[in-house]
Amino acid sequence: MTKIYIFLISSLYSLSIFSLNPCPDNPEDKWHNCFGSYQYPSGETYSGEWKNNLADGKGILEFIDSGEKYYGWHKNNRTSQ
């Protein structure tokens, strides 16, 4: 039963991401209500939803030093739980 819930949640997550338009190729342009990837000067990479030029929504933050990844919600460029 748990496997079914995991499958349903991941399916809904995938559908919501793909319903957004891709962010502009140029990171200098405004990223709003879109899905894209950005590498920060520190080397960390965020891939997910953007709103008002901030990581906001579902996404993945990969830390360069440890290689760890945070999968979840972001709000105003910060991870939230």
Protein backbone atom coordinates (compact mmCIF):
# COMPACT_ATOMS: atom_id res chain seq x y z
CA MET A 1 0.00 0.00 0.00
CA THR A 2 2.87 2.38 0.78
CA LYS A 3 4.32 1.81 -2.68
CA ILE A 4 1.03 2.92 -4.23
CA TYR A 5 1.07 6.17 -2.23
CA ILE A 6 4.67 6.88 -3.20
CA PHE A 7 3.82 6.26 -6.86
CA LEU A 8 0.78 8.56 -6.73
CA ILE A 9 2.66 11.35 -4.98
CA SER A 10 5.60 11.18 -7.39
CA SER A 11 3.21 11.14 -10.35
CA LEU A 12 1.40 14.25 -9.14
CA TYR A 13 4.74 15.95 -8.47
CA SER A 14 5.88 15.20 -12.02
CA LEU A 15 2.66 16.48 -13.55
CA SER A 16 2.80 19.77 -11.67
CA ILE A 17 6.41 20.43 -12.73
CA PHE A 18 5.74 19.73 -16.38
CA SER A 19 2.74 22.06 -16.39
CA LEU A 20 5.09 25.06 -16.01
CA ASN A 21 6.82 26.75 -18.91
CA PRO A 22 10.60 26.51 -19.05
CA CYS A 23 12.48 29.49 -17.62
CA PRO A 24 14.28 31.78 -20.09
CA ASP A 25 17.74 30.67 -21.23
CA ASN A 26 19.25 33.91 -19.97
CA PRO A 27 19.36 34.02 -16.13
CA GLU A 28 19.37 37.84 -16.39
CA ASP A 29 15.75 37.69 -17.62
CA LYS A 30 12.90 37.48 -15.12
CA TRP A 31 12.17 33.91 -14.03
CA HIS A 32 8.52 33.84 -12.98
CA ASN A 33 6.11 30.91 -12.90
CA CYS A 34 8.56 28.67 -14.71
CA PHE A 35 10.73 25.58 -14.26
CA GLY A 36 14.49 25.83 -14.63
CA SER A 37 17.96 25.08 -13.29
CA TYR A 38 20.47 27.57 -11.96
CA GLN A 39 23.99 27.16 -10.59
CA TYR A 40 24.83 29.67 -7.87
CA PRO A 41 28.33 31.21 -7.63
CA SER A 42 28.95 28.93 -4.62
CA GLY A 43 28.49 25.92 -6.93
CA GLU A 44 25.17 24.77 -5.52
CA THR A 45 22.53 23.93 -8.14
CA TYR A 46 18.78 24.39 -7.84
CA SER A 47 16.40 22.75 -10.30
CA GLY A 48 12.73 23.42 -9.85
CA GLU A 49 10.01 26.02 -9.79
CA TRP A 50 10.73 29.77 -9.84
CA LYS A 51 8.62 32.76 -8.90
CA ASN A 52 9.74 36.42 -9.00
CA ASN A 53 13.36 35.38 -9.70
CA LEU A 54 13.44 33.22 -6.56
CA ALA A 55 13.45 29.45 -6.05
CA ASP A 56 9.85 29.00 -4.98
CA GLY A 57 7.93 25.73 -5.12
CA LYS A 58 9.02 22.15 -5.61
CA GLY A 59 12.63 21.57 -6.48
CA ILE A 60 15.98 19.94 -5.85
CA LEU A 61 18.94 21.73 -4.27
CA GLU A 62 22.29 19.99 -4.74
CA PHE A 63 25.16 20.92 -2.43
CA ILE A 64 28.52 20.94 -4.18
CA ASP A 65 30.73 20.16 -1.15
CA SER A 66 28.88 17.11 0.15
CA GLY A 67 27.01 16.03 -2.98
CA GLU A 68 23.85 15.80 -0.87
CA LYS A 69 20.51 16.74 -2.38
CA TYR A 70 17.46 18.31 -0.79
CA TYR A 71 14.21 17.28 -2.47
CA GLY A 72 11.24 19.34 -1.41
CA TRP A 73 9.65 22.74 -1.10
CA HIS A 74 11.38 26.07 -1.41
CA LYS A 75 10.01 29.51 -0.54
CA ASN A 76 11.77 32.78 -1.40
CA ASN A 77 15.10 31.04 -2.13
CA ARG A 78 15.03 29.04 1.11
CA THR A 79 14.22 25.42 1.82
CA SER A 80 10.99 24.97 3.74
CA GLN A 81 9.42 21.96 5.36
